[in-house]
């Protein structure tokens, strides 16, 4: 699974291998939960983080 992130400077970032995301303070972090269902847990792997204030749009791909 992947997400497309449009940033305030009109750049587009592709985050591959992430199946969920969550705001963590000033950052939005994307996670890979593997085959597990039911949300984030201690087994989730951080894939990428972006400053939340710079994100314009997030789209699941």
PDB file of N, CA and C in Angstrom:
ATOM      1  N   UNK A   1       0.847  -1.160   0.000  1.00  0.00           N
ATOM      2  CA  UNK A   1       0.000   0.000   0.000  1.00  0.00           C
ATOM      3  C   UNK A   1       0.901   1.233   0.000  1.00  0.00           C
ATOM      4  N   UNK A   2       0.352   2.361  -0.419  1.00  0.00           N
ATOM      5  CA  UNK A   2       1.137   3.586  -0.494  1.00  0.00           C
ATOM      6  C   UNK A   2       0.254   4.808  -0.270  1.00  0.00           C
ATOM      7  N   UNK A   3       0.897   5.922   0.036  1.00  0.00           N
ATOM      8  CA  UNK A   3       0.215   7.200   0.190  1.00  0.00           C
ATOM      9  C   UNK A   3       0.930   8.228  -0.678  1.00  0.00           C
ATOM     10  N   UNK A   4       0.139   9.152  -1.221  1.00  0.00           N
ATOM     11  CA  UNK A   4       0.677  10.305  -1.936  1.00  0.00           C
ATOM     12  C   UNK A   4       0.444  11.522  -1.059  1.00  0.00           C
ATOM     13  N   UNK A   5       1.505  12.280  -0.781  1.00  0.00           N
ATOM     14  CA  UNK A   5       1.406  13.452   0.078  1.00  0.00           C
ATOM     15  C   UNK A   5       1.733  14.687  -0.753  1.00  0.00           C
ATOM     16  N   UNK A   6       0.828  15.649  -0.778  1.00  0.00           N
ATOM     17  CA  UNK A   6       1.074  16.931  -1.437  1.00  0.00           C
ATOM     18  C   UNK A   6       1.478  17.915  -0.347  1.00  0.00           C
ATOM     19  N   UNK A   7       2.637  18.533  -0.532  1.00  0.00           N
ATOM     20  CA  UNK A   7       3.164  19.464   0.453  1.00  0.00           C
ATOM     21  C   UNK A   7       2.877  20.910   0.044  1.00  0.00           C
ATOM     22  N   UNK A   8       3.033  21.820   0.979  1.00  0.00           N
ATOM     23  CA  UNK A   8       2.706  23.236   0.774  1.00  0.00           C
ATOM     24  C   UNK A   8       3.508  23.869  -0.356  1.00  0.00           C
ATOM     25  N   UNK A   9       4.695  23.355  -0.651  1.00  0.00           N
ATOM     26  CA  UNK A   9       5.506  23.908  -1.741  1.00  0.00           C
ATOM     27  C   UNK A   9       5.165  23.272  -3.086  1.00  0.00           C
ATOM     28  N   UNK A  10       4.011  22.565  -3.146  1.00  0.00           N
ATOM     29  CA  UNK A  10       3.502  21.883  -4.346  1.00  0.00           C
ATOM     30  C   UNK A  10       4.306  20.656  -4.749  1.00  0.00           C
ATOM     31  N   UNK A  11       5.248  20.227  -3.928  1.00  0.00           N
ATOM     32  CA  UNK A  11       5.948  18.981  -4.221  1.00  0.00           C
ATOM     33  C   UNK A  11       5.064  17.808  -3.805  1.00  0.00           C
ATOM     34  N   UNK A  12       5.295  16.665  -4.442  1.00  0.00           N
ATOM     35  CA  UNK A  12       4.518  15.457  -4.165  1.00  0.00           C
ATOM     36  C   UNK A  12       5.479  14.369  -3.706  1.00  0.00           C
ATOM     37  N   UNK A  13       5.162  13.786  -2.566  1.00  0.00           N
ATOM     38  CA  UNK A  13       5.957  12.691  -2.004  1.00  0.00           C
ATOM     39  C   UNK A  13       5.138  11.406  -2.074  1.00  0.00           C
ATOM     40  N   UNK A  14       5.786  10.304  -2.392  1.00  0.00           N
ATOM     41  CA  UNK A  14       5.146   8.994  -2.427  1.00  0.00           C
ATOM     42  C   UNK A  14       5.724   8.169  -1.280  1.00  0.00           C
ATOM     43  N   UNK A  15       4.871   7.668  -0.400  1.00  0.00           N
ATOM     44  CA  UNK A  15       5.314   6.819   0.709  1.00  0.00           C
ATOM     45  C   UNK A  15       4.840   5.404   0.416  1.00  0.00           C
ATOM     46  N   UNK A  16       5.767   4.547  -0.006  1.00  0.00           N
ATOM     47  CA  UNK A  16       5.454   3.155  -0.314  1.00  0.00           C
ATOM     48  C   UNK A  16       5.635   2.288   0.924  1.00  0.00           C
ATOM     49  N   UNK A  17       4.808   1.259   1.044  1.00  0.00           N
ATOM     50  CA  UNK A  17       4.937   0.315   2.145  1.00  0.00           C
ATOM     51  C   UNK A  17       4.239   0.742   3.420  1.00  0.00           C
ATOM     52  N   UNK A  18       3.522   1.847   3.394  1.00  0.00           N
ATOM     53  CA  UNK A  18       2.787   2.297   4.586  1.00  0.00           C
ATOM     54  C   UNK A  18       1.310   1.980   4.409  1.00  0.00           C
ATOM     55  N   UNK A  19       0.659   1.557   5.484  1.00  0.00           N
ATOM     56  CA  UNK A  19      -0.775   1.281   5.398  1.00  0.00           C
ATOM     57  C   UNK A  19      -1.607   2.081   6.389  1.00  0.00           C
ATOM     58  N   UNK A  20      -0.958   2.963   7.158  1.00  0.00           N
ATOM     59  CA  UNK A  20      -1.687   3.849   8.067  1.00  0.00           C
ATOM     60  C   UNK A  20      -0.803   5.047   8.409  1.00  0.00           C
ATOM     61  N   UNK A  21      -1.419   6.064   8.992  1.00  0.00           N
ATOM     62  CA  UNK A  21      -0.661   7.218   9.458  1.00  0.00           C
ATOM     63  C   UNK A  21      -1.341   7.810  10.679  1.00  0.00           C
ATOM     64  N   UNK A  22      -0.566   8.586  11.430  1.00  0.00           N
ATOM     65  CA  UNK A  22      -1.062   9.173  12.671  1.00  0.00           C
ATOM     66  C   UNK A  22      -0.266  10.437  12.967  1.00  0.00           C
ATOM     67  N   UNK A  23      -0.934  11.440  13.515  1.00  0.00           N
ATOM     68  CA  UNK A  23      -0.231  12.645  13.936  1.00  0.00           C
ATOM     69  C   UNK A  23       0.456  12.371  15.261  1.00  0.00           C
ATOM     70  N   UNK A  24       1.733  12.734  15.329  1.00  0.00           N
ATOM     71  CA  UNK A  24       2.532  12.588  16.546  1.00  0.00           C
ATOM     72  C   UNK A  24       3.164  13.943  16.840  1.00  0.00           C
ATOM     73  N   UNK A  25       2.507  14.727  17.658  1.00  0.00           N
ATOM     74  CA  UNK A  25       3.001  16.072  17.940  1.00  0.00           C
ATOM     75  C   UNK A  25       2.977  16.895  16.665  1.00  0.00           C
ATOM     76  N   UNK A  26       4.105  17.528  16.306  1.00  0.00           N
ATOM     77  CA  UNK A  26       4.124  18.363  15.100  1.00  0.00           C
ATOM     78  C   UNK A  26       4.327  17.568  13.809  1.00  0.00           C
ATOM     79  N   UNK A  27       4.463  16.256  13.915  1.00  0.00           N
ATOM     80  CA  UNK A  27       4.737  15.412  12.750  1.00  0.00           C
ATOM     81  C   UNK A  27       3.555  14.487  12.444  1.00  0.00           C
ATOM     82  N   UNK A  28       3.414  14.147  11.168  1.00  0.00           N
ATOM     83  CA  UNK A  28       2.496  13.092  10.746  1.00  0.00           C
ATOM     84  C   UNK A  28       3.380  11.933  10.315  1.00  0.00           C
ATOM     85  N   UNK A  29       3.202  10.781  10.946  1.00  0.00           N
ATOM     86  CA  UNK A  29       4.060   9.623  10.717  1.00  0.00           C
ATOM     87  C   UNK A  29       3.272   8.515  10.037  1.00  0.00           C
ATOM     88  N   UNK A  30       3.911   7.879   9.045  1.00  0.00           N
ATOM     89  CA  UNK A  30       3.312   6.794   8.271  1.00  0.00           C
ATOM     90  C   UNK A  30       3.913   5.476   8.746  1.00  0.00           C
ATOM     91  N   UNK A  31       3.046   4.459   8.887  1.00  0.00           N
ATOM     92  CA  UNK A  31       3.446   3.181   9.476  1.00  0.00           C
ATOM     93  C   UNK A  31       3.118   2.002   8.570  1.00  0.00           C
ATOM     94  N   UNK A  32       3.909   0.946   8.717  1.00  0.00           N
ATOM     95  CA  UNK A  32       3.629  -0.352   8.107  1.00  0.00           C
ATOM     96  C   UNK A  32       3.223  -1.285   9.243  1.00  0.00           C
ATOM     97  N   UNK A  33       2.002  -1.788   9.176  1.00  0.00           N
ATOM     98  CA  UNK A  33       1.499  -2.703  10.209  1.00  0.00           C
ATOM     99  C   UNK A  33       1.643  -4.162   9.810  1.00  0.00           C
ATOM    100  N   UNK A  34       2.277  -4.425   8.686  1.00  0.00           N
ATOM    101  CA  UNK A  34       2.437  -5.797   8.214  1.00  0.00           C
ATOM    102  C   UNK A  34       1.091  -6.416   7.916  1.00  0.00           C
ATOM    103  N   UNK A  35       0.898  -7.624   8.316  1.00  0.00           N
ATOM    104  CA  UNK A  35      -0.355  -8.344   8.077  1.00  0.00           C
ATOM    105  C   UNK A  35      -1.371  -8.140   9.194  1.00  0.00           C
ATOM    106  N   UNK A  36      -1.011  -7.379  10.212  1.00  0.00           N
ATOM    107  CA  UNK A  36      -1.891  -7.200  11.362  1.00  0.00           C
ATOM    108  C   UNK A  36      -3.010  -6.219  11.045  1.00  0.00           C
ATOM    109  N   UNK A  37      -4.159  -6.479  11.613  1.00  0.00           N
ATOM    110  CA  UNK A  37      -5.297  -5.572  11.462  1.00  0.00           C
ATOM    111  C   UNK A  37      -5.647  -4.998  12.826  1.00  0.00           C
ATOM    112  N   UNK A  38      -6.358  -3.883  12.839  1.00  0.00           N
ATOM    113  CA  UNK A  38      -6.806  -3.333  14.110  1.00  0.00           C
ATOM    114  C   UNK A  38      -6.049  -2.103  14.559  1.00  0.00           C
ATOM    115  N   UNK A  39      -5.316  -1.468  13.648  1.00  0.00           N
ATOM    116  CA  UNK A  39      -4.674  -0.209  14.017  1.00  0.00           C
ATOM    117  C   UNK A  39      -3.225  -0.362  14.404  1.00  0.00           C
ATOM    118  N   UNK A  40      -2.681   0.713  14.934  1.00  0.00           N
ATOM    119  CA  UNK A  40      -1.278   0.756  15.299  1.00  0.00           C
ATOM    120  C   UNK A  40      -1.020   0.015  16.596  1.00  0.00           C
ATOM    121  N   UNK A  41       0.170  -0.518  16.710  1.00  0.00           N
ATOM    122  CA  UNK A  41       0.570  -1.208  17.929  1.00  0.00           C
ATOM    123  C   UNK A  41       2.074  -1.164  18.070  1.00  0.00           C
ATOM    124  N   UNK A  42       2.593  -1.832  19.058  1.00  0.00           N
ATOM    125  CA  UNK A  42       4.032  -1.828  19.309  1.00  0.00           C
ATOM    126  C   UNK A  42       4.818  -2.492  18.181  1.00  0.00           C
ATOM    127  N   UNK A  43       4.158  -3.271  17.335  1.00  0.00           N
ATOM    128  CA  UNK A  43       4.810  -3.966  16.231  1.00  0.00           C
ATOM    129  C   UNK A  43       4.872  -3.113  14.960  1.00  0.00           C
ATOM    130  N   UNK A  44       4.195  -1.974  14.940  1.00  0.00           N
ATOM    131  CA  UNK A  44       4.172  -1.114  13.756  1.00  0.00           C
ATOM    132  C   UNK A  44       5.551  -0.532  13.489  1.00  0.00           C
ATOM    133  N   UNK A  45       5.897  -0.432  12.210  1.00  0.00           N
ATOM    134  CA  UNK A  45       7.194   0.088  11.795  1.00  0.00           C
ATOM    135  C   UNK A  45       7.011   1.466  11.175  1.00  0.00           C
ATOM    136  N   UNK A  46       7.763   2.447  11.657  1.00  0.00           N
ATOM    137  CA  UNK A  46       7.707   3.793  11.073  1.00  0.00           C
ATOM    138  C   UNK A  46       8.366   3.767   9.705  1.00  0.00           C
ATOM    139  N   UNK A  47       7.654   4.328   8.717  1.00  0.00           N
ATOM    140  CA  UNK A  47       8.155   4.352   7.351  1.00  0.00           C
ATOM    141  C   UNK A  47       8.649   5.750   6.974  1.00  0.00           C
ATOM    142  N   UNK A  48       7.904   6.778   7.356  1.00  0.00           N
ATOM    143  CA  UNK A  48       8.269   8.157   7.007  1.00  0.00           C
ATOM    144  C   UNK A  48       7.531   9.126   7.920  1.00  0.00           C
ATOM    145  N   UNK A  49       8.077  10.330   8.068  1.00  0.00           N
ATOM    146  CA  UNK A  49       7.429  11.387   8.841  1.00  0.00           C
ATOM    147  C   UNK A  49       7.567  12.712   8.101  1.00  0.00           C
ATOM    148  N   UNK A  50       6.524  13.544   8.209  1.00  0.00           N
ATOM    149  CA  UNK A  50       6.511  14.877   7.596  1.00  0.00           C
ATOM    150  C   UNK A  50       5.933  15.851   8.607  1.00  0.00           C
ATOM    151  N   UNK A  51       6.374  17.093   8.543  1.00  0.00           N
ATOM    152  CA  UNK A  51       5.803  18.132   9.397  1.00  0.00           C
ATOM    153  C   UNK A  51       4.359  18.342   8.990  1.00  0.00           C
ATOM    154  N   UNK A  52       3.439  18.192   9.936  1.00  0.00           N
ATOM    155  CA  UNK A  52       2.005  18.286   9.674  1.00  0.00           C
ATOM    156  C   UNK A  52       1.630  19.619   9.050  1.00  0.00           C
ATOM    157  N   UNK A  53       2.257  20.701   9.485  1.00  0.00           N
ATOM    158  CA  UNK A  53       1.915  22.036   8.972  1.00  0.00           C
ATOM    159  C   UNK A  53       2.250  22.197   7.486  1.00  0.00           C
ATOM    160  N   UNK A  54       3.095  21.320   6.943  1.00  0.00           N
ATOM    161  CA  UNK A  54       3.477  21.421   5.537  1.00  0.00           C
ATOM    162  C   UNK A  54       2.652  20.513   4.629  1.00  0.00           C
ATOM    163  N   UNK A  55       1.797  19.675   5.216  1.00  0.00           N
ATOM    164  CA  UNK A  55       0.972  18.751   4.425  1.00  0.00           C
ATOM    165  C   UNK A  55      -0.320  19.441   3.999  1.00  0.00           C
ATOM    166  N   UNK A  56      -0.581  19.396   2.692  1.00  0.00           N
ATOM    167  CA  UNK A  56      -1.813  19.956   2.137  1.00  0.00           C
ATOM    168  C   UNK A  56      -2.853  18.855   1.965  1.00  0.00           C
ATOM    169  N   UNK A  57      -2.401  17.688   1.464  1.00  0.00           N
ATOM    170  CA  UNK A  57      -3.351  16.602   1.192  1.00  0.00           C
ATOM    171  C   UNK A  57      -2.633  15.253   1.280  1.00  0.00           C
ATOM    172  N   UNK A  58      -3.347  14.251   1.780  1.00  0.00           N
ATOM    173  CA  UNK A  58      -2.862  12.870   1.821  1.00  0.00           C
ATOM    174  C   UNK A  58      -3.882  12.021   1.072  1.00  0.00           C
ATOM    175  N   UNK A  59      -3.377  11.220   0.132  1.00  0.00           N
ATOM    176  CA  UNK A  59      -4.260  10.336  -0.633  1.00  0.00           C
ATOM    177  C   UNK A  59      -3.716   8.909  -0.599  1.00  0.00           C
ATOM    178  N   UNK A  60      -4.586   7.954  -0.277  1.00  0.00           N
ATOM    179  CA  UNK A  60      -4.177   6.537  -0.284  1.00  0.00           C
ATOM    180  C   UNK A  60      -4.103   6.061  -1.729  1.00  0.00           C
ATOM    181  N   UNK A  61      -3.048   5.340  -2.051  1.00  0.00           N
ATOM    182  CA  UNK A  61      -2.861   4.801  -3.399  1.00  0.00           C
ATOM    183  C   UNK A  61      -2.912   3.306  -3.378  1.00  0.00           C
TER     184      UNK A  61
END
